C-alpha atoms as a PDB file:
ATOM      1  CA  MET A   1     -46.070 -24.437 -30.210  1.00  0.00           C
ATOM      2  CA  LYS A   2     -45.381 -23.333 -26.423  1.00  0.00           C
ATOM      3  CA  PHE A   3     -42.246 -26.194 -26.632  1.00  0.00           C
ATOM      4  CA  LEU A   4     -40.904 -24.015 -29.982  1.00  0.00           C
ATOM      5  CA  LEU A   5     -41.782 -20.589 -27.937  1.00  0.00           C
ATOM      6  CA  ALA A   6     -39.885 -21.459 -24.983  1.00  0.00           C
ATOM      7  CA  THR A   7     -36.799 -22.895 -27.005  1.00  0.00           C
ATOM      8  CA  PHE A   8     -36.834 -19.684 -29.147  1.00  0.00           C
ATOM      9  CA  LEU A   9     -36.975 -17.282 -25.852  1.00  0.00           C
ATOM     10  CA  PHE A  10     -34.252 -19.199 -24.631  1.00  0.00           C
ATOM     11  CA  LEU A  11     -32.248 -19.262 -27.702  1.00  0.00           C
ATOM     12  CA  ILE A  12     -32.372 -15.298 -27.939  1.00  0.00           C
ATOM     13  CA  ALA A  13     -31.164 -15.191 -24.240  1.00  0.00           C
ATOM     14  CA  ALA A  14     -28.534 -17.217 -24.691  1.00  0.00           C
ATOM     15  CA  THR A  15     -27.660 -15.048 -27.912  1.00  0.00           C
ATOM     16  CA  ALA A  16     -27.633 -12.180 -25.923  1.00  0.00           C
ATOM     17  CA  ARG A  17     -25.284 -13.152 -23.249  1.00  0.00           C
ATOM     18  CA  ALA A  18     -23.055 -14.192 -25.991  1.00  0.00           C
ATOM     19  CA  GLN A  19     -22.950 -10.909 -27.507  1.00  0.00           C
ATOM     20  CA  THR A  20     -22.352  -9.151 -23.869  1.00  0.00           C
ATOM     21  CA  PRO A  21     -18.672  -8.893 -23.122  1.00  0.00           C
ATOM     22  CA  ILE A  22     -17.254  -9.754 -20.064  1.00  0.00           C
ATOM     23  CA  PRO A  23     -15.865  -7.007 -18.340  1.00  0.00           C
ATOM     24  CA  ARG A  24     -12.210  -7.446 -17.686  1.00  0.00           C
ATOM     25  CA  VAL A  25     -10.276  -5.853 -14.631  1.00  0.00           C
ATOM     26  CA  ALA A  26      -6.688  -5.884 -15.460  1.00  0.00           C
ATOM     27  CA  ILE A  27      -4.269  -5.649 -12.183  1.00  0.00           C
ATOM     28  CA  LEU A  28      -1.172  -3.495 -12.831  1.00  0.00           C
ATOM     29  CA  VAL A  29       1.508  -4.039 -10.323  1.00  0.00           C
ATOM     30  CA  GLN A  30       5.550  -3.396 -10.632  1.00  0.00           C
ATOM     31  CA  GLU A  31       5.879  -6.293  -8.568  1.00  0.00           C
ATOM     32  CA  MET A  32       3.594  -8.707  -6.644  1.00  0.00           C
ATOM     33  CA  GLY A  33       4.642  -8.178  -2.981  1.00  0.00           C
ATOM     34  CA  ARG A  34       2.602  -8.843   0.363  1.00  0.00           C
ATOM     35  CA  ALA A  35       0.832  -5.379   0.133  1.00  0.00           C
ATOM     36  CA  GLN A  36       0.068  -5.728  -3.616  1.00  0.00           C
ATOM     37  CA  SER A  37      -1.634  -9.438  -3.338  1.00  0.00           C
ATOM     38  CA  GLN A  38      -3.198  -8.415  -0.290  1.00  0.00           C
ATOM     39  CA  ALA A  39      -5.326  -4.980  -2.357  1.00  0.00           C
ATOM     40  CA  PHE A  40      -6.498  -7.696  -5.184  1.00  0.00           C
ATOM     41  CA  LYS A  41      -7.606  -9.951  -2.292  1.00  0.00           C
ATOM     42  CA  GLY A  42      -9.485  -7.157  -1.105  1.00  0.00           C
ATOM     43  CA  VAL A  43     -11.095  -6.376  -4.588  1.00  0.00           C
ATOM     44  CA  SER A  44     -11.316  -9.883  -5.324  1.00  0.00           C
ATOM     45  CA  ALA A  45     -13.706 -10.694  -2.393  1.00  0.00           C
ATOM     46  CA  GLU A  46     -15.860  -7.054  -2.235  1.00  0.00           C
ATOM     47  CA  LEU A  47     -16.549  -8.444  -6.182  1.00  0.00           C
ATOM     48  CA  SER A  48     -17.554 -11.888  -5.141  1.00  0.00           C
ATOM     49  CA  ARG A  49     -19.676 -10.416  -2.382  1.00  0.00           C
ATOM     50  CA  LEU A  50     -21.358  -7.743  -4.866  1.00  0.00           C
ATOM     51  CA  GLY A  51     -22.422 -10.676  -7.483  1.00  0.00           C
ATOM     52  CA  TYR A  52     -19.554 -11.180  -9.626  1.00  0.00           C
ATOM     53  CA  ARG A  53     -17.814 -14.599 -10.500  1.00  0.00           C
ATOM     54  CA  GLU A  54     -14.652 -15.280 -12.447  1.00  0.00           C
ATOM     55  CA  ARG A  55     -15.201 -16.387 -16.096  1.00  0.00           C
ATOM     56  CA  ASN A  56     -18.826 -15.832 -15.723  1.00  0.00           C
ATOM     57  CA  ASN A  57     -19.396 -11.971 -15.284  1.00  0.00           C
ATOM     58  CA  ILE A  58     -15.572 -10.932 -14.889  1.00  0.00           C
ATOM     59  CA  LYS A  59     -12.441 -11.468 -15.695  1.00  0.00           C
ATOM     60  CA  PHE A  60      -9.140 -10.849 -14.203  1.00  0.00           C
ATOM     61  CA  GLU A  61      -6.051 -10.445 -15.892  1.00  0.00           C
ATOM     62  CA  ILE A  62      -2.461  -9.651 -13.567  1.00  0.00           C
ATOM     63  CA  HIS A  63       0.318  -8.095 -15.388  1.00  0.00           C
ATOM     64  CA  ASP A  64       3.136  -8.116 -12.765  1.00  0.00           C
ATOM     65  CA  ALA A  65       6.566  -6.672 -14.240  1.00  0.00           C
ATOM     66  CA  ARG A  66       8.662  -8.201 -11.614  1.00  0.00           C
ATOM     67  CA  GLY A  67      10.059  -5.101 -10.707  1.00  0.00           C
ATOM     68  CA  ASP A  68      11.076  -3.750 -14.264  1.00  0.00           C
ATOM     69  CA  ARG A  69      10.072  -0.361 -14.910  1.00  0.00           C
ATOM     70  CA  SER A  70      10.707  -0.524 -18.532  1.00  0.00           C
ATOM     71  CA  ALA A  71       8.180  -3.614 -18.696  1.00  0.00           C
ATOM     72  CA  LEU A  72       5.488  -1.687 -16.388  1.00  0.00           C
ATOM     73  CA  GLN A  73       5.427   0.725 -19.204  1.00  0.00           C
ATOM     74  CA  ALA A  74       5.039  -1.897 -21.664  1.00  0.00           C
ATOM     75  CA  ALA A  75       2.414  -3.530 -19.878  1.00  0.00           C
ATOM     76  CA  ALA A  76       0.402  -0.050 -19.530  1.00  0.00           C
ATOM     77  CA  LYS A  77       0.025   0.521 -23.086  1.00  0.00           C
ATOM     78  CA  GLU A  78      -0.652  -3.178 -23.828  1.00  0.00           C
ATOM     79  CA  LEU A  79      -3.642  -2.429 -21.685  1.00  0.00           C
ATOM     80  CA  ALA A  80      -4.102   0.493 -23.584  1.00  0.00           C
ATOM     81  CA  VAL A  81      -4.751  -0.588 -26.800  1.00  0.00           C
ATOM     82  CA  LYS A  82      -6.593  -3.918 -25.181  1.00  0.00           C
ATOM     83  CA  LYS A  83      -8.966  -1.791 -23.870  1.00  0.00           C
ATOM     84  CA  VAL A  84      -9.813  -3.365 -21.116  1.00  0.00           C
ATOM     85  CA  ALA A  85     -13.208  -2.459 -18.469  1.00  0.00           C
ATOM     86  CA  VAL A  86     -10.142  -1.328 -15.597  1.00  0.00           C
ATOM     87  CA  ILE A  87      -7.033  -0.997 -14.380  1.00  0.00           C
ATOM     88  CA  PHE A  88      -6.316  -1.752 -11.101  1.00  0.00           C
ATOM     89  CA  THR A  89      -3.055  -0.746  -9.549  1.00  0.00           C
ATOM     90  CA  ALA A  90      -1.572  -0.874  -6.165  1.00  0.00           C
ATOM     91  CA  GLY A  91       1.807   1.346  -6.344  1.00  0.00           C
ATOM     92  CA  THR A  92       2.567   4.794  -7.391  1.00  0.00           C
ATOM     93  CA  ARG A  93       4.355   3.749 -10.363  1.00  0.00           C
ATOM     94  CA  ALA A  94       1.754   1.545 -11.798  1.00  0.00           C
ATOM     95  CA  THR A  95      -0.542   4.409 -11.129  1.00  0.00           C
ATOM     96  CA  LEU A  96       1.767   6.819 -13.259  1.00  0.00           C
ATOM     97  CA  ALA A  97       2.474   4.289 -15.879  1.00  0.00           C
ATOM     98  CA  ALA A  98      -1.526   3.737 -16.325  1.00  0.00           C
ATOM     99  CA  THR A  99      -2.546   7.152 -16.532  1.00  0.00           C
ATOM    100  CA  ALA A 100       0.401   7.777 -18.544  1.00  0.00           C
ATOM    101  CA  ALA A 101      -0.803   5.279 -21.234  1.00  0.00           C
ATOM    102  CA  THR A 102      -4.503   5.926 -21.202  1.00  0.00           C
ATOM    103  CA  ARG A 103      -6.755   8.841 -20.507  1.00  0.00           C
ATOM    104  CA  ASP A 104      -9.560   6.690 -21.612  1.00  0.00           C
ATOM    105  CA  ILE A 105      -9.820   3.696 -19.321  1.00  0.00           C
ATOM    106  CA  PRO A 106     -10.688   3.729 -15.816  1.00  0.00           C
ATOM    107  CA  VAL A 107      -7.863   3.551 -13.586  1.00  0.00           C
ATOM    108  CA  VAL A 108      -8.439   2.647  -9.636  1.00  0.00           C
ATOM    109  CA  PHE A 109      -5.886   2.856  -7.537  1.00  0.00           C
ATOM    110  CA  VAL A 110      -5.007   2.152  -3.602  1.00  0.00           C
ATOM    111  CA  HIS A 111      -2.108   3.939  -2.148  1.00  0.00           C
ATOM    112  CA  PRO A 112      -1.169   3.973   1.222  1.00  0.00           C
ATOM    113  CA  GLY A 113      -0.144   8.045   1.300  1.00  0.00           C
ATOM    114  CA  ASP A 114      -1.554  11.285   0.102  1.00  0.00           C
ATOM    115  CA  PRO A 115      -1.801  10.967  -3.839  1.00  0.00           C
ATOM    116  CA  GLN A 116      -1.292  14.197  -4.319  1.00  0.00           C
ATOM    117  CA  THR A 117       2.462  13.918  -2.961  1.00  0.00           C
ATOM    118  CA  ALA A 118       2.741  11.014  -4.984  1.00  0.00           C
ATOM    119  CA  ARG A 119       1.858  12.893  -8.127  1.00  0.00           C
ATOM    120  CA  LEU A 120      -1.365  11.255  -8.796  1.00  0.00           C
ATOM    121  CA  MET A 121      -3.221  14.358  -8.864  1.00  0.00           C
ATOM    122  CA  VAL A 122      -3.588  16.786 -11.460  1.00  0.00           C
ATOM    123  CA  GLY A 123      -4.380  20.893 -10.895  1.00  0.00           C
ATOM    124  CA  SER A 124      -5.059  21.729  -7.954  1.00  0.00           C
ATOM    125  CA  GLY A 125      -5.566  18.389  -6.010  1.00  0.00           C
ATOM    126  CA  THR A 126      -8.068  16.788  -8.404  1.00  0.00           C
ATOM    127  CA  ALA A 127      -7.648  13.393 -10.186  1.00  0.00           C
ATOM    128  CA  ALA A 128      -7.475  12.854 -14.000  1.00  0.00           C
ATOM    129  CA  GLU A 129     -10.729  12.055 -15.360  1.00  0.00           C
ATOM    130  CA  ASN A 130     -10.150   8.689 -15.544  1.00  0.00           C
ATOM    131  CA  LEU A 131      -8.633   8.324 -11.927  1.00  0.00           C
ATOM    132  CA  THR A 132     -10.228   7.112  -8.856  1.00  0.00           C
ATOM    133  CA  GLY A 133      -8.950   5.099  -6.043  1.00  0.00           C
ATOM    134  CA  VAL A 134      -8.521   4.675  -2.123  1.00  0.00           C
ATOM    135  CA  ALA A 135      -5.593   6.547  -0.097  1.00  0.00           C
ATOM    136  CA  ALA A 136      -5.030   5.741   3.328  1.00  0.00           C
ATOM    137  CA  TYR A 137      -2.883   9.144   3.827  1.00  0.00           C
ATOM    138  CA  ALA A 138      -1.006   7.207   6.266  1.00  0.00           C
ATOM    139  CA  ALA A 139       1.656  10.226   7.133  1.00  0.00           C
ATOM    140  CA  GLU A 140      -1.559  11.390   9.144  1.00  0.00           C
ATOM    141  CA  THR A 141      -0.893   8.528  11.527  1.00  0.00           C
ATOM    142  CA  THR A 142       2.616   9.669  12.389  1.00  0.00           C
ATOM    143  CA  GLU A 143       1.794  10.132  16.090  1.00  0.00           C
ATOM    144  CA  LYS A 144       0.111   7.114  16.350  1.00  0.00           C
ATOM    145  CA  ARG A 145       2.564   4.935  15.128  1.00  0.00           C
ATOM    146  CA  LEU A 146       5.251   6.697  17.102  1.00  0.00           C
ATOM    147  CA  ALA A 147       2.689   6.537  20.470  1.00  0.00           C
ATOM    148  CA  LEU A 148       2.355   3.166  19.937  1.00  0.00           C
ATOM    149  CA  PHE A 149       5.906   2.809  19.281  1.00  0.00           C
ATOM    150  CA  LYS A 150       6.145   4.167  22.707  1.00  0.00           C
ATOM    151  CA  GLN A 151       3.759   1.740  24.220  1.00  0.00           C
ATOM    152  CA  ILE A 152       6.120  -1.218  23.040  1.00  0.00           C
ATOM    153  CA  LEU A 153       8.898   0.157  24.345  1.00  0.00           C
ATOM    154  CA  PRO A 154       7.693   2.442  27.748  1.00  0.00           C
ATOM    155  CA  ALA A 155      11.555   3.292  28.124  1.00  0.00           C
ATOM    156  CA  LEU A 156      11.667   4.792  24.766  1.00  0.00           C
ATOM    157  CA  THR A 157      13.546   8.238  24.850  1.00  0.00           C
ATOM    158  CA  LYS A 158      14.988   8.622  21.644  1.00  0.00           C
ATOM    159  CA  ILE A 159      14.358   8.118  18.061  1.00  0.00           C
ATOM    160  CA  TYR A 160      16.252   7.799  14.901  1.00  0.00           C
ATOM    161  CA  VAL A 161      14.892   8.608  11.481  1.00  0.00           C
ATOM    162  CA  PHE A 162      17.040   8.275   8.523  1.00  0.00           C
ATOM    163  CA  TYR A 163      15.865   9.312   5.210  1.00  0.00           C
ATOM    164  CA  ASP A 164      16.816  10.954   1.332  1.00  0.00           C
ATOM    165  CA  ALA A 165      18.509  14.424   2.114  1.00  0.00           C
ATOM    166  CA  ASN A 166      17.371  15.201  -1.848  1.00  0.00           C
ATOM    167  CA  ASN A 167      13.883  14.073  -1.438  1.00  0.00           C
ATOM    168  CA  ASN A 168      11.445  16.888  -0.371  1.00  0.00           C
ATOM    169  CA  PHE A 169       8.536  14.767   0.308  1.00  0.00           C
ATOM    170  CA  SER A 170      10.684  12.442   2.947  1.00  0.00           C
ATOM    171  CA  ARG A 171      11.988  15.935   4.366  1.00  0.00           C
ATOM    172  CA  LYS A 172       8.314  16.638   4.740  1.00  0.00           C
ATOM    173  CA  ASN A 173       7.920  13.609   6.344  1.00  0.00           C
ATOM    174  CA  VAL A 174      10.635  14.583   8.911  1.00  0.00           C
ATOM    175  CA  ALA A 175       9.037  17.343  10.108  1.00  0.00           C
ATOM    176  CA  LEU A 176       5.454  15.613  11.015  1.00  0.00           C
ATOM    177  CA  VAL A 177       8.082  13.213  13.058  1.00  0.00           C
ATOM    178  CA  ILE A 178       9.280  16.355  14.704  1.00  0.00           C
ATOM    179  CA  ALA A 179       6.208  17.470  15.756  1.00  0.00           C
ATOM    180  CA  ALA A 180       4.875  14.425  16.761  1.00  0.00           C
ATOM    181  CA  ALA A 181       8.272  13.572  19.045  1.00  0.00           C
ATOM    182  CA  LYS A 182       7.811  17.123  20.844  1.00  0.00           C
ATOM    183  CA  LYS A 183       4.285  15.989  21.939  1.00  0.00           C
ATOM    184  CA  LEU A 184       5.602  12.602  23.318  1.00  0.00           C
ATOM    185  CA  ASP A 185       8.480  14.136  25.259  1.00  0.00           C
ATOM    186  CA  LEU A 186      11.143  12.087  22.772  1.00  0.00           C
ATOM    187  CA  ALA A 187      14.614  12.929  21.646  1.00  0.00           C
ATOM    188  CA  LEU A 188      14.501  13.037  17.519  1.00  0.00           C
ATOM    189  CA  ASP A 189      18.144  12.308  15.992  1.00  0.00           C
ATOM    190  CA  ALA A 190      17.404  12.819  12.425  1.00  0.00           C
ATOM    191  CA  GLN A 191      19.980  12.006   9.940  1.00  0.00           C
ATOM    192  CA  ALA A 192      19.660  12.864   6.026  1.00  0.00           C
ATOM    193  CA  ILE A 193      21.293  10.729   3.982  1.00  0.00           C
ATOM    194  CA  LYS A 194      22.355  11.075   0.439  1.00  0.00           C
ATOM    195  CA  SER A 195      23.444   7.434  -0.879  1.00  0.00           C
ATOM    196  CA  THR A 196      23.287   3.951  -0.356  1.00  0.00           C
ATOM    197  CA  ASP A 197      27.078   3.733   1.344  1.00  0.00           C
ATOM    198  CA  GLU A 198      25.956   6.555   3.473  1.00  0.00           C
ATOM    199  CA  LEU A 199      23.445   4.841   5.045  1.00  0.00           C
ATOM    200  CA  LYS A 200      25.076   2.140   5.361  1.00  0.00           C
ATOM    201  CA  THR A 201      28.053   3.414   7.076  1.00  0.00           C
ATOM    202  CA  THR A 202      26.151   5.569   9.042  1.00  0.00           C
ATOM    203  CA  LEU A 203      23.702   2.741  10.648  1.00  0.00           C
ATOM    204  CA  GLY A 204      27.086   0.855  11.162  1.00  0.00           C
ATOM    205  CA  ASN A 205      28.251   3.378  13.269  1.00  0.00           C
ATOM    206  CA  LEU A 206      25.236   3.620  15.503  1.00  0.00           C
ATOM    207  CA  ARG A 207      26.022   3.057  19.020  1.00  0.00           C
ATOM    208  CA  ALA A 208      23.379   1.176  20.299  1.00  0.00           C
ATOM    209  CA  GLU A 209      21.345   2.638  23.497  1.00  0.00           C
ATOM    210  CA  PRO A 210      19.287   0.875  25.299  1.00  0.00           C
ATOM    211  CA  ARG A 211      16.329   4.071  25.235  1.00  0.00           C
ATOM    212  CA  ALA A 212      16.962   4.503  21.563  1.00  0.00           C
ATOM    213  CA  ALA A 213      15.168   2.708  18.557  1.00  0.00           C
ATOM    214  CA  ILE A 214      14.756   3.548  14.506  1.00  0.00           C
ATOM    215  CA  PHE A 215      11.566   5.102  13.254  1.00  0.00           C
ATOM    216  CA  GLN A 216      10.671   4.596   9.597  1.00  0.00           C
ATOM    217  CA  ILE A 217       9.706   7.310   7.516  1.00  0.00           C
ATOM    218  CA  THR A 218       8.085   6.342   3.956  1.00  0.00           C
ATOM    219  CA  ASP A 219      11.434   7.047   1.954  1.00  0.00           C
ATOM    220  CA  ASP A 220      12.559   4.891  -1.402  1.00  0.00           C
ATOM    221  CA  LEU A 221      16.183   4.853  -0.517  1.00  0.00           C
ATOM    222  CA  ILE A 222      15.708   3.627   3.187  1.00  0.00           C
ATOM    223  CA  GLU A 223      13.509   1.130   2.104  1.00  0.00           C
ATOM    224  CA  ASN A 224      15.274  -0.068  -0.742  1.00  0.00           C
ATOM    225  CA  GLU A 225      17.899  -1.233   2.166  1.00  0.00           C
ATOM    226  CA  ALA A 226      15.205  -2.611   4.447  1.00  0.00           C
ATOM    227  CA  GLU A 227      17.117  -5.773   4.596  1.00  0.00           C
ATOM    228  CA  PHE A 228      20.347  -4.220   5.665  1.00  0.00           C
ATOM    229  CA  VAL A 229      17.979  -2.102   8.241  1.00  0.00           C
ATOM    230  CA  PHE A 230      16.606  -5.223   9.925  1.00  0.00           C
ATOM    231  CA  ALA A 231      20.035  -7.253  10.014  1.00  0.00           C
ATOM    232  CA  THR A 232      22.161  -4.071  11.304  1.00  0.00           C
ATOM    233  CA  ALA A 233      18.799  -3.614  14.342  1.00  0.00           C
ATOM    234  CA  ARG A 234      18.976  -7.114  15.294  1.00  0.00           C
ATOM    235  CA  GLN A 235      22.967  -7.136  15.317  1.00  0.00           C
ATOM    236  CA  LYS A 236      22.867  -3.979  17.580  1.00  0.00           C
ATOM    237  CA  LYS A 237      19.836  -4.892  19.260  1.00  0.00           C
ATOM    238  CA  ILE A 238      17.679  -1.884  18.260  1.00  0.00           C
ATOM    239  CA  ALA A 239      14.094  -1.988  18.056  1.00  0.00           C
ATOM    240  CA  THR A 240      12.396  -0.512  14.579  1.00  0.00           C
ATOM    241  CA  MET A 241       8.820   0.389  13.740  1.00  0.00           C
ATOM    242  CA  PHE A 242       7.719   0.876   9.931  1.00  0.00           C
ATOM    243  CA  ASN A 243       4.829   1.957   8.554  1.00  0.00           C
ATOM    244  CA  GLU A 244       3.304  -1.269   6.801  1.00  0.00           C
ATOM    245  CA  GLU A 245       2.404  -5.233   7.759  1.00  0.00           C
ATOM    246  CA  SER A 246       4.801  -6.652   5.071  1.00  0.00           C
ATOM    247  CA  TRP A 247       7.659  -4.643   6.901  1.00  0.00           C
ATOM    248  CA  ALA A 248       7.112  -6.283  10.079  1.00  0.00           C
ATOM    249  CA  ILE A 249       6.793  -9.344   8.441  1.00  0.00           C
ATOM    250  CA  GLY A 250      10.154  -8.719   6.442  1.00  0.00           C
ATOM    251  CA  GLY A 251      12.256  -8.669   9.990  1.00  0.00           C
ATOM    252  CA  ALA A 252      10.920  -4.959  11.919  1.00  0.00           C
ATOM    253  CA  THR A 253      10.132  -4.931  15.398  1.00  0.00           C
ATOM    254  CA  ALA A 254       6.921  -3.539  14.637  1.00  0.00           C
ATOM    255  CA  ALA A 255       4.753  -1.969  12.169  1.00  0.00           C
ATOM    256  CA  TYR A 256       1.610  -0.122  11.864  1.00  0.00           C
ATOM    257  CA  GLY A 257      -0.634   1.071   8.727  1.00  0.00           C
ATOM    258  CA  PRO A 258      -3.530   0.831   6.428  1.00  0.00           C
ATOM    259  CA  SER A 259      -4.650  -2.782   5.228  1.00  0.00           C
ATOM    260  CA  TYR A 260      -4.197  -3.558   2.007  1.00  0.00           C
ATOM    261  CA  PHE A 261      -6.906  -6.009   2.258  1.00  0.00           C
ATOM    262  CA  GLU A 262      -9.639  -3.244   3.530  1.00  0.00           C
ATOM    263  CA  MET A 263      -8.338  -0.807   0.982  1.00  0.00           C
ATOM    264  CA  GLY A 264      -8.990  -3.763  -2.009  1.00  0.00           C
ATOM    265  CA  ARG A 265     -12.499  -3.749  -0.610  1.00  0.00           C
ATOM    266  CA  LEU A 266     -13.001  -0.260  -1.034  1.00  0.00           C
ATOM    267  CA  ALA A 267     -11.569  -0.487  -4.411  1.00  0.00           C
ATOM    268  CA  GLY A 268     -13.630  -3.174  -5.232  1.00  0.00           C
ATOM    269  CA  GLN A 269     -16.411  -1.238  -4.744  1.00  0.00           C
ATOM    270  CA  SER A 270     -15.290   1.742  -6.944  1.00  0.00           C
ATOM    271  CA  ILE A 271     -14.769  -1.394  -9.881  1.00  0.00           C
ATOM    272  CA  ASP A 272     -18.286  -2.337  -9.335  1.00  0.00           C
ATOM    273  CA  GLN A 273     -20.039   1.122 -10.253  1.00  0.00           C
ATOM    274  CA  ILE A 274     -17.397   1.740 -12.721  1.00  0.00           C
ATOM    275  CA  ILE A 275     -18.512  -1.648 -14.504  1.00  0.00           C
ATOM    276  CA  LYS A 276     -21.998  -0.445 -13.864  1.00  0.00           C
ATOM    277  CA  GLY A 277     -21.707   2.650 -16.101  1.00  0.00           C
ATOM    278  CA  LYS A 278     -20.219   5.153 -13.539  1.00  0.00           C
ATOM    279  CA  ALA A 279     -17.779   7.264 -14.499  1.00  0.00           C
ATOM    280  CA  PRO A 280     -14.405   7.627 -12.771  1.00  0.00           C
ATOM    281  CA  SER A 281     -14.338  11.186 -12.484  1.00  0.00           C
ATOM    282  CA  THR A 282     -17.725  11.052 -10.645  1.00  0.00           C
ATOM    283  CA  LEU A 283     -16.429   8.613  -7.829  1.00  0.00           C
ATOM    284  CA  PRO A 284     -14.496   9.709  -4.763  1.00  0.00           C
ATOM    285  CA  ILE A 285     -11.474   9.028  -3.660  1.00  0.00           C
ATOM    286  CA  LEU A 286     -11.913   6.934  -0.234  1.00  0.00           C
ATOM    287  CA  ARG A 287     -10.389   6.831   2.780  1.00  0.00           C
ATOM    288  CA  ALA A 288      -8.635   3.981   4.048  1.00  0.00           C
ATOM    289  CA  THR A 289     -10.821   2.863   7.122  1.00  0.00           C
ATOM    290  CA  GLN A 290      -8.625   0.183   8.815  1.00  0.00           C
ATOM    291  CA  PHE A 291      -5.344   0.703   9.893  1.00  0.00           C
ATOM    292  CA  ASP A 292      -3.463  -2.261  11.424  1.00  0.00           C
ATOM    293  CA  LEU A 293      -0.650  -2.951  14.521  1.00  0.00           C
ATOM    294  CA  THR A 294       1.473  -5.790  13.613  1.00  0.00           C
ATOM    295  CA  ILE A 295       3.944  -7.057  15.764  1.00  0.00           C
ATOM    296  CA  ASN A 296       7.070  -9.163  14.979  1.00  0.00           C
ATOM    297  CA  TYR A 297       7.456 -11.026  18.422  1.00  0.00           C
ATOM    298  CA  ARG A 298      10.483 -13.206  17.420  1.00  0.00           C
ATOM    299  CA  ALA A 299      11.900 -10.166  16.327  1.00  0.00           C
ATOM    300  CA  ALA A 300      11.505  -8.519  19.464  1.00  0.00           C
ATOM    301  CA  ASN A 301      12.862 -11.443  21.054  1.00  0.00           C
ATOM    302  CA  TYR A 302      15.880 -11.490  19.532  1.00  0.00           C
ATOM    303  CA  ILE A 303      17.026  -8.577  20.825  1.00  0.00           C
ATOM    304  CA  GLY A 304      15.957  -9.516  24.648  1.00  0.00           C
ATOM    305  CA  LEU A 305      12.317  -6.758  24.411  1.00  0.00           C
ATOM    306  CA  GLN A 306       9.843  -7.846  26.511  1.00  0.00           C
ATOM    307  CA  LEU A 307       6.430  -6.975  25.125  1.00  0.00           C
ATOM    308  CA  PRO A 308       3.401  -6.002  27.330  1.00  0.00           C
ATOM    309  CA  LYS A 309       0.872  -8.523  27.312  1.00  0.00           C
ATOM    310  CA  ASP A 310      -1.699  -5.839  26.800  1.00  0.00           C
ATOM    311  CA  LEU A 311      -0.253  -4.746  23.685  1.00  0.00           C
ATOM    312  CA  LEU A 312      -0.134  -8.094  22.149  1.00  0.00           C
ATOM    313  CA  LYS A 313      -3.847  -8.676  22.750  1.00  0.00           C
ATOM    314  CA  GLN A 314      -4.344  -4.844  21.040  1.00  0.00           C
ATOM    315  CA  ALA A 315      -2.380  -6.270  17.869  1.00  0.00           C
ATOM    316  CA  ASN A 316      -4.495  -6.942  14.862  1.00  0.00           C
ATOM    317  CA  LYS A 317      -1.274  -9.574  14.129  1.00  0.00           C
ATOM    318  CA  VAL A 318       1.712 -10.998  15.610  1.00  0.00           C
ATOM    319  CA  ILE A 319       4.375 -12.759  14.198  1.00  0.00           C
ATOM    320  CA  ARG A 320       5.603 -15.390  16.191  1.00  0.00           C
END
C-alpha cells in the first residue's frame, strides 16, 4: 500500500512538473559583438548563481540579426507572437525593436548611456510598462575618462573630438567634453563632421602633434568608421581614448567604460524577479556599478608611447 501511495505521489509531482512550462528568455541583438556576448554571459552567470539550469528550469534562445535592421524587427515581431517569458536586449536598436513589437512581454535591456536620451523612455522620464533594465549613464564619466587619458599621456595638452554635426545627442556630449577639458587644462579641437567622406578627409589632413590625441564620444557616424580612425591614428602616431572595452580590443590605445558582463549580471537579477512574478514596471532601472579601464599595450607600443607602470597595474585589462 505504501509503495502504491509513493508511486502515486511521484506521478502527481512528475505530471505537475511536465505541465509547468519552462520559462524562455529570448536574447535579441542587432549584432552579437563583444559587448553583447559579454552581457549575455553576465545574464547567464547570474541566473546560474540564482539556481537556474539551462533546459531544466530555463531556456535561452538567441536571435542575432547580424546587422540587418529589417531582420531585427522581424525577429522582435516573431518573439511577440511566441510569447516568451522575457526578452533581453543589448543595444538601443534591439530594445526599440522589442518595445515596438510588444507592450505585453517584459523587456530587460542593458544600455551604456542614458536610456532617456536614447529614446528608451516615454513621457517624463518613465519607462514603458513592460520595460526595465540596466543603464551606465556613461556620459557622466566623461571627466573621469579624460583624466585617465591624461594619466596615460602625462604630456597631453590638446584633444581632438570628432562628432556628427547633425546629431543633437553628440553635440550635448561635446559640451561635456568642453567642461571636462577646461577643468583639466586641456585645449580642445572639436570637429563637426557631416559625412563619412568628410571624416576621412579631415582625419587624413590631421597634423600629428606630440602632445595631442583623439578623444571619442558616443557617435554612430564616427564609430561606424572606427577601423579607419584606428588605422589613421596608428599611421600618424596619435593616441586614442574610446569608451568601451571592445574599441580597445579593436585598436584604440585605451578605453574606459561600463563592464557589460556586470551589467548583464544586474539584468539577470531583474529577469529572475520577472520570472517569479514581478511586473517590469515595479522594478527600477538599475545603474551600472563597474567601469573598466582597458589598455591596448600593443597599440601604445606601436606609436612609441611609454605607458606608466602604475597605470598598467591599475588597468582592469591590458592587451599585449
